[in-house]
C-alpha atoms as a PDB file:
ATOM      1  CA  MET A   1      35.759 -41.400 -10.766  1.00  0.00           C
ATOM      2  CA  ALA A   2      34.905 -38.768  -7.156  1.00  0.00           C
ATOM      3  CA  SER A   3      35.648 -40.372  -3.600  1.00  0.00           C
ATOM      4  CA  ASN A   4      37.054 -39.514  -0.225  1.00  0.00           C
ATOM      5  CA  ILE A   5      38.053 -41.595   2.622  1.00  0.00           C
ATOM      6  CA  CYS A   6      37.077 -39.832   6.055  1.00  0.00           C
ATOM      7  CA  THR A   7      38.121 -40.795   9.237  1.00  0.00           C
ATOM      8  CA  ARG A   8      39.204 -38.782  12.543  1.00  0.00           C
ATOM      9  CA  LEU A   9      42.511 -38.190  12.047  1.00  0.00           C
ATOM     10  CA  GLU A  10      42.356 -36.243   8.351  1.00  0.00           C
ATOM     11  CA  ILE A  11      40.677 -36.979   4.977  1.00  0.00           C
ATOM     12  CA  ALA A  12      42.293 -37.662   1.930  1.00  0.00           C
ATOM     13  CA  ILE A  13      40.311 -36.994  -1.398  1.00  0.00           C
ATOM     14  CA  PHE A  14      40.906 -38.896  -4.253  1.00  0.00           C
ATOM     15  CA  MET A  15      39.634 -39.324  -7.316  1.00  0.00           C
ATOM     16  CA  VAL A  16      39.042 -42.799  -7.643  1.00  0.00           C
ATOM     17  CA  GLY A  17      37.522 -45.516  -5.202  1.00  0.00           C
ATOM     18  CA  PHE A  18      38.004 -48.593  -4.109  1.00  0.00           C
ATOM     19  CA  VAL A  19      36.133 -51.752  -1.837  1.00  0.00           C
ATOM     20  CA  CYS A  20      36.776 -52.863   1.324  1.00  0.00           C
ATOM     21  CA  ALA A  21      35.250 -55.984   2.815  1.00  0.00           C
ATOM     22  CA  ASN A  22      32.397 -54.678   5.213  1.00  0.00           C
ATOM     23  CA  LEU A  23      29.963 -52.636   5.601  1.00  0.00           C
ATOM     24  CA  VAL A  24      30.296 -52.422   1.109  1.00  0.00           C
ATOM     25  CA  LEU A  25      26.899 -50.703  -0.003  1.00  0.00           C
ATOM     26  CA  PRO A  26      27.013 -51.510  -3.905  1.00  0.00           C
ATOM     27  CA  MET A  27      24.027 -49.630  -5.540  1.00  0.00           C
ATOM     28  CA  CYS A  28      22.345 -51.945  -8.131  1.00  0.00           C
ATOM     29  CA  GLY A  29      18.494 -53.061  -8.120  1.00  0.00           C
ATOM     30  CA  ASN A  30      16.097 -50.276  -8.393  1.00  0.00           C
ATOM     31  CA  ILE A  31      18.202 -47.019  -7.138  1.00  0.00           C
ATOM     32  CA  SER A  32      15.349 -45.021  -6.043  1.00  0.00           C
ATOM     33  CA  GLU A  33      15.470 -46.733  -3.354  1.00  0.00           C
ATOM     34  CA  VAL A  34      19.064 -45.488  -1.823  1.00  0.00           C
ATOM     35  CA  PHE A  35      18.311 -42.102  -2.843  1.00  0.00           C
ATOM     36  CA  GLU A  36      15.733 -39.443  -3.185  1.00  0.00           C
ATOM     37  CA  TYR A  37      15.670 -36.824  -6.157  1.00  0.00           C
ATOM     38  CA  ASN A  38      15.075 -33.119  -4.100  1.00  0.00           C
ATOM     39  CA  TRP A  39      15.179 -31.271  -6.551  1.00  0.00           C
ATOM     40  CA  ALA A  40      13.357 -30.966  -9.729  1.00  0.00           C
ATOM     41  CA  PRO A  41      13.006 -34.632 -10.010  1.00  0.00           C
ATOM     42  CA  ASN A  42      11.035 -33.783 -13.730  1.00  0.00           C
ATOM     43  CA  HIS A  43      14.496 -33.067 -14.582  1.00  0.00           C
ATOM     44  CA  ILE A  44      16.188 -36.519 -13.465  1.00  0.00           C
ATOM     45  CA  ILE A  45      16.322 -40.181 -15.714  1.00  0.00           C
ATOM     46  CA  SER A  46      16.801 -43.395 -13.397  1.00  0.00           C
ATOM     47  CA  GLN A  47      18.196 -45.941 -15.190  1.00  0.00           C
ATOM     48  CA  GLY A  48      18.527 -49.456 -13.092  1.00  0.00           C
ATOM     49  CA  ASP A  49      21.658 -48.361 -11.271  1.00  0.00           C
ATOM     50  CA  GLN A  50      22.470 -44.924 -13.405  1.00  0.00           C
ATOM     51  CA  ILE A  51      21.044 -41.724 -12.195  1.00  0.00           C
ATOM     52  CA  LYS A  52      21.472 -38.776 -15.447  1.00  0.00           C
ATOM     53  CA  LEU A  53      20.449 -35.379 -13.764  1.00  0.00           C
ATOM     54  CA  THR A  54      19.000 -33.201 -17.026  1.00  0.00           C
ATOM     55  CA  LEU A  55      19.369 -28.519 -16.609  1.00  0.00           C
ATOM     56  CA  ASP A  56      18.284 -26.754 -19.962  1.00  0.00           C
ATOM     57  CA  ASN A  57      17.502 -22.898 -19.200  1.00  0.00           C
ATOM     58  CA  VAL A  58      14.417 -23.634 -16.701  1.00  0.00           C
ATOM     59  CA  SER A  59      16.349 -25.875 -14.231  1.00  0.00           C
ATOM     60  CA  GLY A  60      18.397 -27.656 -12.731  1.00  0.00           C
ATOM     61  CA  CYS A  61      18.117 -31.013 -10.242  1.00  0.00           C
ATOM     62  CA  GLY A  62      19.975 -32.355  -8.046  1.00  0.00           C
ATOM     63  CA  PHE A  63      19.419 -35.760  -5.902  1.00  0.00           C
ATOM     64  CA  GLU A  64      20.337 -37.043  -1.817  1.00  0.00           C
ATOM     65  CA  SER A  65      21.019 -40.231  -0.510  1.00  0.00           C
ATOM     66  CA  LYS A  66      17.996 -41.396   1.955  1.00  0.00           C
ATOM     67  CA  LYS A  67      20.818 -42.234   5.117  1.00  0.00           C
ATOM     68  CA  LYS A  68      23.584 -40.610   6.407  1.00  0.00           C
ATOM     69  CA  TYR A  69      27.118 -41.298   7.479  1.00  0.00           C
ATOM     70  CA  LEU A  70      29.651 -40.339   9.580  1.00  0.00           C
ATOM     71  CA  PHE A  71      33.250 -41.496   8.559  1.00  0.00           C
ATOM     72  CA  GLY A  72      34.149 -44.126   6.024  1.00  0.00           C
ATOM     73  CA  GLN A  73      34.226 -43.978   2.267  1.00  0.00           C
ATOM     74  CA  ALA A  74      32.059 -43.196  -0.667  1.00  0.00           C
ATOM     75  CA  SER A  75      32.339 -43.282  -4.256  1.00  0.00           C
ATOM     76  CA  VAL A  76      30.612 -43.065  -7.350  1.00  0.00           C
ATOM     77  CA  GLN A  77      31.477 -42.680 -11.766  1.00  0.00           C
ATOM     78  CA  ILE A  78      30.741 -39.100 -13.230  1.00  0.00           C
ATOM     79  CA  LYS A  79      30.269 -38.874 -16.547  1.00  0.00           C
ATOM     80  CA  LEU A  80      30.565 -34.614 -17.074  1.00  0.00           C
ATOM     81  CA  ILE A  81      28.465 -32.647 -19.366  1.00  0.00           C
ATOM     82  CA  GLU A  82      30.004 -33.220 -22.932  1.00  0.00           C
ATOM     83  CA  GLY A  83      31.447 -30.681 -25.360  1.00  0.00           C
ATOM     84  CA  ASP A  84      30.543 -26.839 -24.333  1.00  0.00           C
ATOM     85  CA  SER A  85      29.749 -27.197 -20.748  1.00  0.00           C
ATOM     86  CA  ALA A  86      30.760 -23.592 -19.962  1.00  0.00           C
ATOM     87  CA  GLY A  87      29.126 -21.981 -16.803  1.00  0.00           C
ATOM     88  CA  THR A  88      27.637 -25.355 -15.745  1.00  0.00           C
ATOM     89  CA  MET A  89      28.445 -26.888 -12.937  1.00  0.00           C
ATOM     90  CA  ALA A  90      27.911 -31.002 -11.289  1.00  0.00           C
ATOM     91  CA  SER A  91      28.893 -30.946  -7.604  1.00  0.00           C
ATOM     92  CA  GLU A  92      26.930 -31.437  -4.251  1.00  0.00           C
ATOM     93  CA  GLY A  93      21.033 -25.043   6.103  1.00  0.00           C
ATOM     94  CA  PRO A  94      23.366 -23.107   6.902  1.00  0.00           C
ATOM     95  CA  VAL A  95      24.908 -24.950   9.722  1.00  0.00           C
ATOM     96  CA  HIS A  96      26.512 -28.754   8.545  1.00  0.00           C
ATOM     97  CA  ASP A  97      29.335 -30.019   7.531  1.00  0.00           C
ATOM     98  CA  GLU A  98      30.153 -30.968   3.564  1.00  0.00           C
ATOM     99  CA  LEU A  99      32.991 -32.515   1.444  1.00  0.00           C
ATOM    100  CA  ASP A 100      32.110 -31.260  -1.628  1.00  0.00           C
ATOM    101  CA  PHE A 101      33.283 -31.986  -5.317  1.00  0.00           C
ATOM    102  CA  GLU A 102      32.675 -29.244  -7.877  1.00  0.00           C
ATOM    103  CA  PHE A 103      32.994 -29.971 -11.937  1.00  0.00           C
ATOM    104  CA  LEU A 104      33.384 -26.800 -13.250  1.00  0.00           C
ATOM    105  CA  GLY A 105      32.419 -26.652 -17.065  1.00  0.00           C
ATOM    106  CA  ASN A 106      34.269 -24.970 -19.990  1.00  0.00           C
ATOM    107  CA  VAL A 107      34.156 -24.348 -23.506  1.00  0.00           C
ATOM    108  CA  SER A 108      35.132 -26.935 -25.805  1.00  0.00           C
ATOM    109  CA  GLY A 109      39.039 -28.257 -26.454  1.00  0.00           C
ATOM    110  CA  GLU A 110      39.705 -26.679 -22.918  1.00  0.00           C
ATOM    111  CA  PRO A 111      39.647 -28.410 -19.339  1.00  0.00           C
ATOM    112  CA  TYR A 112      37.678 -29.237 -16.231  1.00  0.00           C
ATOM    113  CA  LEU A 113      38.120 -28.133 -13.377  1.00  0.00           C
ATOM    114  CA  VAL A 114      37.353 -29.997 -10.004  1.00  0.00           C
ATOM    115  CA  GLN A 115      37.065 -27.533  -7.243  1.00  0.00           C
ATOM    116  CA  THR A 116      37.280 -29.289  -3.966  1.00  0.00           C
ATOM    117  CA  ASN A 117      35.668 -27.596  -0.167  1.00  0.00           C
ATOM    118  CA  ILE A 118      35.510 -28.358   3.258  1.00  0.00           C
ATOM    119  CA  TYR A 119      32.537 -26.865   5.272  1.00  0.00           C
ATOM    120  CA  VAL A 120      32.589 -27.792   8.741  1.00  0.00           C
ATOM    121  CA  ASN A 121      29.762 -26.264  10.769  1.00  0.00           C
ATOM    122  CA  GLY A 122      28.637 -23.936   7.809  1.00  0.00           C
ATOM    123  CA  THR A 123      31.922 -22.650   6.820  1.00  0.00           C
ATOM    124  CA  GLY A 124      34.236 -23.417   3.882  1.00  0.00           C
ATOM    125  CA  ASN A 125      36.170 -21.151   2.465  1.00  0.00           C
ATOM    126  CA  ARG A 126      38.579 -23.874   1.888  1.00  0.00           C
ATOM    127  CA  GLU A 127      38.306 -24.264  -2.071  1.00  0.00           C
ATOM    128  CA  GLN A 128      40.779 -26.044  -4.218  1.00  0.00           C
ATOM    129  CA  ARG A 129      40.665 -26.095  -7.858  1.00  0.00           C
ATOM    130  CA  HIS A 130      43.128 -28.816 -10.252  1.00  0.00           C
ATOM    131  CA  THR A 131      43.011 -29.564 -14.140  1.00  0.00           C
ATOM    132  CA  LEU A 132      41.933 -33.411 -14.948  1.00  0.00           C
ATOM    133  CA  TRP A 133      44.492 -35.315 -15.902  1.00  0.00           C
ATOM    134  CA  PHE A 134      42.604 -38.801 -16.490  1.00  0.00           C
ATOM    135  CA  LEU A 135      40.241 -40.614 -16.728  1.00  0.00           C
ATOM    136  CA  VAL A 136      40.192 -43.177 -13.650  1.00  0.00           C
ATOM    137  CA  ASP A 137      42.615 -43.547 -11.262  1.00  0.00           C
ATOM    138  CA  GLY A 138      43.753 -43.588  -7.910  1.00  0.00           C
ATOM    139  CA  ILE A 139      45.584 -40.432  -7.320  1.00  0.00           C
ATOM    140  CA  PRO A 140      45.506 -38.141  -4.428  1.00  0.00           C
ATOM    141  CA  ILE A 141      44.924 -34.997  -4.681  1.00  0.00           C
ATOM    142  CA  ARG A 142      43.479 -33.399  -1.389  1.00  0.00           C
ATOM    143  CA  VAL A 143      44.604 -34.191   2.819  1.00  0.00           C
ATOM    144  CA  PHE A 144      42.024 -32.151   5.078  1.00  0.00           C
ATOM    145  CA  THR A 145      44.317 -32.989   9.267  1.00  0.00           C
ATOM    146  CA  ASN A 146      42.761 -32.990  11.921  1.00  0.00           C
ATOM    147  CA  LYS A 147      43.618 -29.910  13.977  1.00  0.00           C
ATOM    148  CA  GLU A 148      41.359 -29.652  16.502  1.00  0.00           C
ATOM    149  CA  ASP A 149      44.020 -29.622  19.034  1.00  0.00           C
ATOM    150  CA  LYS A 150      45.511 -26.086  17.433  1.00  0.00           C
ATOM    151  CA  GLY A 151      41.429 -24.378  16.977  1.00  0.00           C
ATOM    152  CA  VAL A 152      40.741 -25.883  13.663  1.00  0.00           C
ATOM    153  CA  LEU A 153      37.160 -27.195  13.309  1.00  0.00           C
ATOM    154  CA  PHE A 154      37.236 -30.452  10.986  1.00  0.00           C
ATOM    155  CA  PRO A 155      33.890 -31.943  10.051  1.00  0.00           C
ATOM    156  CA  ARG A 156      33.224 -34.923  12.646  1.00  0.00           C
ATOM    157  CA  GLN A 157      30.062 -33.732  14.719  1.00  0.00           C
ATOM    158  CA  GLN A 158      27.773 -34.233  12.198  1.00  0.00           C
ATOM    159  CA  ALA A 159      26.296 -36.449   9.979  1.00  0.00           C
ATOM    160  CA  MET A 160      26.291 -36.516   6.187  1.00  0.00           C
ATOM    161  CA  SER A 161      24.451 -37.342   3.380  1.00  0.00           C
ATOM    162  CA  ILE A 162      25.745 -38.275  -0.425  1.00  0.00           C
ATOM    163  CA  ARG A 163      24.465 -35.595  -2.760  1.00  0.00           C
ATOM    164  CA  GLY A 164      24.797 -34.956  -6.649  1.00  0.00           C
ATOM    165  CA  SER A 165      23.357 -31.705  -8.752  1.00  0.00           C
ATOM    166  CA  VAL A 166      24.104 -30.209 -11.425  1.00  0.00           C
ATOM    167  CA  TRP A 167      23.354 -26.375 -12.336  1.00  0.00           C
ATOM    168  CA  ASN A 168      24.033 -22.665 -13.543  1.00  0.00           C
ATOM    169  CA  ALA A 169      27.123 -21.827 -12.092  1.00  0.00           C
ATOM    170  CA  ASP A 170      27.776 -19.416 -15.017  1.00  0.00           C
ATOM    171  CA  GLY A 171      27.887 -15.965 -12.851  1.00  0.00           C
ATOM    172  CA  TRP A 172      31.323 -17.963 -11.727  1.00  0.00           C
ATOM    173  CA  ALA A 173      32.324 -21.282 -12.508  1.00  0.00           C
ATOM    174  CA  THR A 174      34.191 -20.508 -15.704  1.00  0.00           C
ATOM    175  CA  GLN A 175      36.887 -18.161 -16.203  1.00  0.00           C
ATOM    176  CA  GLY A 176      34.735 -16.124 -13.338  1.00  0.00           C
ATOM    177  CA  GLY A 177      31.734 -15.403 -15.027  1.00  0.00           C
ATOM    178  CA  LYS A 178      33.398 -14.309 -18.206  1.00  0.00           C
ATOM    179  CA  VAL A 179      32.136 -17.247 -19.574  1.00  0.00           C
ATOM    180  CA  LYS A 180      28.147 -17.555 -19.843  1.00  0.00           C
ATOM    181  CA  ILE A 181      26.437 -20.917 -20.774  1.00  0.00           C
ATOM    182  CA  ASN A 182      25.404 -20.930 -24.481  1.00  0.00           C
ATOM    183  CA  TRP A 183      21.684 -22.312 -24.366  1.00  0.00           C
ATOM    184  CA  THR A 184      21.404 -23.270 -27.190  1.00  0.00           C
ATOM    185  CA  ASN A 185      23.856 -26.323 -26.603  1.00  0.00           C
ATOM    186  CA  ALA A 186      21.160 -27.316 -24.038  1.00  0.00           C
ATOM    187  CA  PRO A 187      19.906 -29.568 -22.339  1.00  0.00           C
ATOM    188  CA  PHE A 188      22.953 -31.121 -20.599  1.00  0.00           C
ATOM    189  CA  PHE A 189      23.595 -34.371 -19.192  1.00  0.00           C
ATOM    190  CA  SER A 190      25.763 -35.679 -15.953  1.00  0.00           C
ATOM    191  CA  THR A 191      25.636 -39.294 -15.069  1.00  0.00           C
ATOM    192  CA  PHE A 192      26.154 -40.875 -12.391  1.00  0.00           C
ATOM    193  CA  ARG A 193      26.589 -44.209 -11.442  1.00  0.00           C
ATOM    194  CA  SER A 194      28.306 -47.037  -9.433  1.00  0.00           C
ATOM    195  CA  PHE A 195      27.843 -45.568  -6.163  1.00  0.00           C
ATOM    196  CA  ILE A 196      29.903 -47.643  -2.870  1.00  0.00           C
ATOM    197  CA  ILE A 197      28.695 -46.292  -0.697  1.00  0.00           C
ATOM    198  CA  ASP A 198      31.541 -47.859   2.700  1.00  0.00           C
ATOM    199  CA  ALA A 199      30.726 -46.023   5.885  1.00  0.00           C
ATOM    200  CA  CYS A 200      29.428 -46.102   9.330  1.00  0.00           C
ATOM    201  CA  GLU A 201      25.615 -45.341   9.005  1.00  0.00           C
ATOM    202  CA  LEU A 202      23.749 -42.932  11.061  1.00  0.00           C
ATOM    203  CA  LEU A 203      20.544 -44.619  12.550  1.00  0.00           C
ATOM    204  CA  PRO A 204      17.786 -42.711  12.826  1.00  0.00           C
ATOM    205  CA  GLU A 205      17.296 -42.769  16.796  1.00  0.00           C
ATOM    206  CA  THR A 206      20.854 -41.914  17.476  1.00  0.00           C
ATOM    207  CA  ASP A 207      21.966 -39.183  19.750  1.00  0.00           C
ATOM    208  CA  ASP A 208      25.337 -40.203  20.343  1.00  0.00           C
ATOM    209  CA  ILE A 209      27.115 -39.840  16.411  1.00  0.00           C
ATOM    210  CA  MET A 210      30.507 -40.419  18.404  1.00  0.00           C
ATOM    211  CA  ALA A 211      29.653 -43.652  20.180  1.00  0.00           C
ATOM    212  CA  GLN A 212      28.030 -44.999  17.383  1.00  0.00           C
ATOM    213  CA  CYS A 213      30.274 -44.318  14.207  1.00  0.00           C
ATOM    214  CA  GLY A 214      33.940 -43.163  16.520  1.00  0.00           C
ATOM    215  CA  LYS A 215      34.506 -46.357  18.467  1.00  0.00           C
ATOM    216  CA  LEU A 216      38.410 -46.804  17.550  1.00  0.00           C
ATOM    217  CA  GLY A 217      39.248 -49.838  16.615  1.00  0.00           C
ATOM    218  CA  ARG A 218      35.513 -51.144  15.211  1.00  0.00           C
ATOM    219  CA  PHE A 219      36.358 -50.188  11.232  1.00  0.00           C
ATOM    220  CA  TRP A 220      38.587 -50.607   8.998  1.00  0.00           C
ATOM    221  CA  TRP A 221      39.546 -47.171   8.390  1.00  0.00           C
ATOM    222  CA  ASP A 222      41.123 -47.181  12.152  1.00  0.00           C
ATOM    223  CA  LYS A 223      44.195 -49.127  10.749  1.00  0.00           C
ATOM    224  CA  PRO A 224      47.242 -47.714  10.432  1.00  0.00           C
ATOM    225  CA  ALA A 225      47.421 -47.786   7.347  1.00  0.00           C
ATOM    226  CA  PHE A 226      43.984 -45.635   6.513  1.00  0.00           C
ATOM    227  CA  VAL A 227      45.367 -42.782   9.196  1.00  0.00           C
ATOM    228  CA  VAL A 228      47.683 -40.846   7.192  1.00  0.00           C
ATOM    229  CA  LEU A 229      48.341 -40.970   3.629  1.00  0.00           C
ATOM    230  CA  ASN A 230      51.827 -43.622   2.781  1.00  0.00           C
ATOM    231  CA  ARG A 231      55.183 -42.747   1.371  1.00  0.00           C
ATOM    232  CA  HIS A 232      53.844 -43.664  -2.516  1.00  0.00           C
ATOM    233  CA  ARG A 233      50.224 -41.839  -2.144  1.00  0.00           C
ATOM    234  CA  SER A 234      51.988 -38.654  -0.206  1.00  0.00           C
ATOM    235  CA  HIS A 235      54.249 -38.952  -3.388  1.00  0.00           C
ATOM    236  CA  GLN A 236      51.542 -38.928  -5.730  1.00  0.00           C
ATOM    237  CA  LEU A 237      50.074 -36.599  -3.659  1.00  0.00           C
ATOM    238  CA  LYS A 238      52.859 -33.941  -4.258  1.00  0.00           C
ATOM    239  CA  TRP A 239      52.890 -35.159  -7.595  1.00  0.00           C
ATOM    240  CA  ALA A 240      48.786 -33.623  -8.448  1.00  0.00           C
ATOM    241  CA  ARG A 241      49.457 -30.371  -6.742  1.00  0.00           C
ATOM    242  CA  ARG A 242      52.477 -29.624  -8.471  1.00  0.00           C
ATOM    243  CA  LYS A 243      51.149 -30.259 -11.895  1.00  0.00           C
ATOM    244  CA  HIS A 244      48.070 -29.473 -11.860  1.00  0.00           C
ATOM    245  CA  LEU A 245      47.010 -27.430  -8.690  1.00  0.00           C
ATOM    246  CA  VAL A 246      45.901 -24.261 -10.186  1.00  0.00           C
ATOM    247  CA  TYR A 247      44.820 -22.382  -6.451  1.00  0.00           C
ATOM    248  CA  ASP A 248      44.576 -23.316  -3.364  1.00  0.00           C
ATOM    249  CA  TYR A 249      43.429 -20.674  -0.745  1.00  0.00           C
ATOM    250  CA  CYS A 250      46.308 -21.100   1.618  1.00  0.00           C
ATOM    251  CA  LYS A 251      48.633 -19.036  -0.991  1.00  0.00           C
ATOM    252  CA  ASP A 252      45.659 -16.502  -1.506  1.00  0.00           C
ATOM    253  CA  LYS A 253      46.829 -13.770   0.647  1.00  0.00           C
ATOM    254  CA  ALA A 254      44.711 -11.200  -1.561  1.00  0.00           C
ATOM    255  CA  ARG A 255      41.774 -13.198   0.197  1.00  0.00           C
ATOM    256  CA  PHE A 256      42.646 -13.668   3.153  1.00  0.00           C
ATOM    257  CA  THR A 257      44.374 -10.601   4.740  1.00  0.00           C
ATOM    258  CA  GLU A 258      45.461 -13.808   7.417  1.00  0.00           C
ATOM    259  CA  LEU A 259      46.045 -16.568   6.182  1.00  0.00           C
ATOM    260  CA  PRO A 260      43.583 -19.025   8.257  1.00  0.00           C
ATOM    261  CA  ARG A 261      44.741 -21.336  10.953  1.00  0.00           C
ATOM    262  CA  GLU A 262      45.224 -24.835   9.166  1.00  0.00           C
ATOM    263  CA  CYS A 263      47.633 -23.260   6.631  1.00  0.00           C
ATOM    264  CA  ILE A 264      49.994 -21.598   9.092  1.00  0.00           C
ATOM    265  CA  SER A 265      50.597 -25.019  11.028  1.00  0.00           C
END
């Protein structure tokens, strides 16, 4: 399961979500009421409260929430492609904000990698990669702190939708693109279910999104317990980084002649 909590002060990315009391929107009934199929709908199967995505040698596919949000939490259970998934990727405009989970496929017997990235005003290049050690648990794997006072952009000015997709990424996803998709194993399937959106929904007519969603003290995520990770969560984060982090853009001096500002301070 993938989840993130986004506040004005920091973004915490977890590999499981938890349900809070207010503004919870569990996905039930007809899932097409909540999501629209924005890429290759003929490759998407809607089954009650879940969405099944198909990748073949013709196309991948994807979906997107009909509504947009700013701050809060979203979680979903994802069943990744089984067996030899090398070269495949399940995830989700030039100027946008995005909190990105990308599950990078691998050859049989090798673990998936989960790549997270953060885009602000269309600029990403903030990749971290972890090996997966779990089915479902509640351990945080990444925090992106608000350092706007130091000139670091933070995703709090644009609403975001919730998206999912599966597509051909064999140019780079598995061992730097050395391992390609084995199309004899196609079609490939990835299933999304148990969506929970606990976030500030932006109304279509809203001009000032911070006035609607940025008022201090209005939502549960403004409480001190959610502003920063507590000691236990901090120890879990350190464990995940020590045991499972295999790439961090903040350590890649060959890629960046000068490290990004958020990596320095």
